[in-house]
Protein backbone atom coordinates (compact mmCIF):
# COMPACT_ATOMS: atom_id res chain seq x y z
CA MET A 1 181.06 45.25 -4.01
CA LYS A 2 181.14 42.70 -6.53
CA LYS A 3 180.39 38.40 -5.12
CA MET A 4 183.18 36.84 -6.81
CA LYS A 5 183.95 32.47 -5.75
CA LYS A 6 187.71 32.38 -4.91
CA LYS A 7 189.18 30.13 -2.66
CA CYS A 8 189.42 31.38 1.00
CA ILE A 9 193.51 32.20 1.80
CA GLU A 10 192.62 31.23 5.41
CA CYS A 11 190.10 28.46 5.41
CA GLY A 12 190.72 27.05 2.05
CA LYS A 13 186.94 26.66 0.80
CA ILE A 14 185.47 28.13 -1.84
CA LYS A 15 183.33 30.40 -1.04
CA ASP A 16 181.79 33.79 -2.20
CA ILE A 17 184.58 36.33 -1.89
CA LYS A 18 182.76 39.95 -1.40
CA GLY A 19 186.35 41.93 -2.13
CA PHE A 20 187.45 41.52 1.61
CA GLY A 21 190.98 41.34 1.75
CA VAL A 22 194.11 41.20 4.22
CA LYS A 23 196.30 43.87 3.49
CA LYS A 24 200.49 42.08 3.62
CA LYS A 25 203.60 43.73 2.70
CA SER A 26 206.21 41.94 0.18
CA THR A 27 209.75 41.05 1.46
CA ASN A 28 210.98 44.15 -0.09
CA GLY A 29 208.77 47.01 1.97
CA GLN A 30 207.65 49.04 -0.91
CA SER A 31 204.26 47.31 -2.12
CA GLU A 32 201.35 45.64 -0.24
CA GLU A 33 199.71 42.27 -1.52
CA ARG A 34 196.09 41.37 -1.03
CA TYR A 35 194.22 38.04 -0.71
CA ASP A 36 191.52 37.23 -0.38
CA VAL A 37 189.34 36.21 2.61
CA CYS A 38 186.00 35.19 2.89
CA ILE A 39 183.18 37.37 5.52
CA SER A 40 183.37 34.60 8.56
CA CYS A 41 187.29 34.25 8.27
CA TYR A 42 187.74 38.41 7.34
CA ILE A 43 185.15 38.99 11.16
CA LEU A 44 186.78 35.97 13.53
CA LYS A 45 190.47 37.45 12.53
CA LYS A 46 188.83 40.88 13.46
CA LYS A 47 187.03 40.05 16.51
CA THR A 48 190.65 37.96 17.41
CA LYS A 49 192.55 40.80 17.57
CA GLU A 50 189.96 42.80 19.66
CA VAL A 51 189.97 39.49 21.84
CA GLN A 52 193.79 39.85 22.35
CA LYS A 53 193.60 43.44 23.17
CA SER A 54 190.81 43.33 25.49
CA LYS A 55 192.22 40.47 26.96
CA SER A 56 195.48 42.43 28.19
CA ASN A 57 193.36 44.82 30.07
CA ASN A 58 191.21 42.05 31.41
CA ASN A 59 193.59 39.86 32.77
CA LYS A 60 195.63 43.29 34.96
CA GLN A 61 191.87 43.44 36.91
CA ILE A 62 190.77 39.63 37.43
CA LEU A 63 195.10 39.35 38.84
CA LYS A 64 194.11 42.66 41.36
CA LYS A 65 191.28 41.25 41.91
CA TYR A 66 192.05 37.71 42.89
CA SER A 67 194.93 38.83 45.05
CA LYS A 68 192.52 41.22 46.83
CA ASP A 69 190.49 38.03 48.26
CA LEU A 70 194.40 36.06 48.67
CA ARG A 71 194.93 39.23 51.43
CA LYS A 72 191.63 38.57 53.01
CA ARG A 73 192.34 34.68 53.16
CA ALA A 74 195.31 35.41 54.03
CA THR A 75 197.10 32.21 56.17
CA ALA A 76 198.37 32.68 59.77
CA ALA A 77 201.80 32.61 58.96
CA GLU A 78 201.56 34.94 56.44
CA LYS A 79 199.88 37.47 58.55
CA CYS A 80 202.25 37.44 61.42
CA LEU A 81 205.36 38.00 58.95
CA LYS A 82 203.22 40.80 57.55
CA ALA A 83 202.05 42.51 61.09
CA GLU A 84 206.19 42.26 62.13
CA LEU A 85 207.11 43.92 58.36
CA LEU A 86 204.37 46.75 59.87
CA ARG A 87 205.85 47.43 62.64
CA LEU A 88 209.47 47.35 61.58
CA GLY A 89 208.86 49.78 59.48
CA ILE A 90 209.75 47.70 56.46
CA ILE A 91 207.61 48.54 53.13
CA HIS A 92 206.19 45.82 51.32
CA GLU A 93 203.74 44.91 48.97
CA PHE A 94 201.00 42.11 50.29
CA GLN A 95 199.82 39.07 47.68
CA TYR A 96 201.58 41.13 45.30
CA PRO A 97 200.72 40.78 41.58
CA ILE A 98 203.23 40.15 39.02
CA LEU A 99 201.93 40.21 35.32
CA ASP A 100 203.87 39.18 32.04
CA SER A 101 202.12 38.59 28.66
CA ASN A 102 201.84 34.80 29.39
CA HIS A 103 202.19 34.70 32.68
CA LYS A 104 201.09 36.01 36.02
CA TYR A 105 201.82 34.97 39.03
CA ILE A 106 200.75 36.75 42.93
CA ALA A 107 203.81 36.75 45.16
CA ASP A 108 203.33 36.77 48.46
CA PHE A 109 205.13 39.23 49.42
CA HIS A 110 207.39 41.89 47.61
CA ILE A 111 209.84 44.41 49.35
CA PRO A 112 211.31 46.45 47.14
CA LEU A 113 215.77 47.44 47.96
CA LYS A 114 217.32 50.57 47.68
CA GLY A 115 219.59 50.30 44.27
CA ARG A 116 217.30 47.39 42.25
CA LYS A 117 214.66 48.07 40.21
CA ASN A 118 212.71 44.86 41.19
CA GLY A 119 212.78 43.97 44.71
CA LEU A 120 212.68 40.60 46.62
CA VAL A 121 209.67 38.51 46.31
CA VAL A 122 208.83 36.29 49.68
CA GLU A 123 206.99 33.33 49.61
CA VAL A 124 205.42 31.63 52.77
CA ASP A 125 205.34 28.08 52.51
CA GLY A 126 202.74 25.88 54.09
CA LYS A 127 203.09 21.91 54.55
CA TYR A 128 200.95 21.06 51.04
CA HIS A 129 204.11 23.08 48.75
CA ASN A 130 206.39 19.59 50.24
CA ASP A 131 204.42 17.48 47.69
CA GLU A 132 206.41 16.21 44.16
CA ASP A 133 203.73 18.51 41.85
CA THR A 134 203.34 21.72 43.84
CA SER A 135 207.55 21.80 44.38
CA TYR A 136 207.85 21.92 40.60
CA LYS A 137 205.54 24.51 40.05
CA ASP A 138 207.40 26.54 42.84
CA GLY A 139 210.26 26.00 41.33
CA ASN A 140 209.02 27.43 37.63
CA ARG A 141 207.43 30.47 39.69
CA ASP A 142 211.47 30.62 41.10
CA VAL A 143 212.54 30.37 37.66
CA TYR A 144 209.79 32.88 36.73
CA PHE A 145 210.66 35.33 39.32
CA LYS A 146 214.46 34.94 38.60
CA LEU A 147 214.62 35.57 35.00
CA ARG A 148 213.03 39.15 35.54
CA ARG A 149 215.89 39.88 37.88
CA PHE A 150 213.43 39.39 41.67
CA LEU A 151 215.44 37.75 44.30
CA VAL A 152 213.40 35.07 46.18
CA LEU A 153 212.90 34.10 49.31
CA ARG A 154 211.05 30.81 50.38
CA VAL A 155 209.76 30.12 54.20
CA THR A 156 208.14 27.43 55.69
CA ASN A 157 205.18 28.75 58.26
CA GLU A 158 207.29 26.76 60.68
CA ASP A 159 210.01 29.62 60.14
CA VAL A 160 207.74 32.38 60.73
CA TYR A 161 205.87 30.73 63.74
CA ASN A 162 209.56 29.76 65.02
CA ASN A 163 212.24 32.04 64.22
CA LEU A 164 210.44 35.41 63.07
CA ASN A 165 213.51 36.96 63.86
CA GLU A 166 215.35 34.90 61.99
CA VAL A 167 213.22 35.52 58.93
CA ILE A 168 213.44 39.25 59.10
CA GLU A 169 217.57 39.13 59.25
CA ARG A 170 217.10 36.59 56.03
CA ILE A 171 215.25 39.01 54.37
CA LEU A 172 217.53 42.43 55.55
CA THR A 173 220.74 40.31 54.21
CA TYR A 174 219.64 40.70 50.75
CA GLY A 175 219.83 44.71 50.25
CA THR A 176 218.84 47.66 51.57
CA VAL A 177 214.98 47.94 52.58
CA LYS A 178 212.83 50.42 52.27
CA LYS A 179 211.63 52.41 54.87
CA ARG A 180 208.63 54.08 56.40
CA THR A 181 209.35 57.43 57.90
CA SER A 182 207.13 58.20 60.63
CA PHE A 183 205.38 61.84 60.85
CA LYS A 184 207.80 62.63 63.86
CA GLU A 185 210.85 61.84 61.49
CA LYS A 186 208.93 64.31 58.67
CA GLU A 187 208.91 66.87 60.74
CA SER A 188 212.47 66.76 62.00
CA LYS A 189 213.92 66.93 58.87
CA LYS A 190 212.60 69.48 57.33
CA LYS A 191 214.15 71.54 60.64
């Protein structure tokens, strides 16, 4: 390869250009132009693409690990609601990660509903959700979930402790929940 002193299109410095070029389609879509970049810009561009590709897979793994950690450190109210949902046989996902290219959130509960692609997100809020900064962030989370066509229900710890049946009724008003079938029910359906 021939070394030439040219101006790098990316960084604007005059450097040795060793024949590295980045292809760029012209407006008509037929021919391709090459514009020269220096080695450091070429490598940086290549690494950036690789990092962006690996970041999405890495984020999923990190979020799954974090949601597993949240399940271990669940609050008493979350454990109480989870136990009641299990007792009633309502299918749910606890500390459910919801991924997107820009945002990553973990919902306290995700309850699939019949006839809906995305179900109901139930958030159990403690006392610290009353301060201004946290309530602003909660509002952003709600908007994020709603834009992805999730239904959102927020309940407080006190609601779960004092009015658990009312919380379950509110969950059931959002639609038909999917329930687990017991072994006995499966056997009776076969006959």
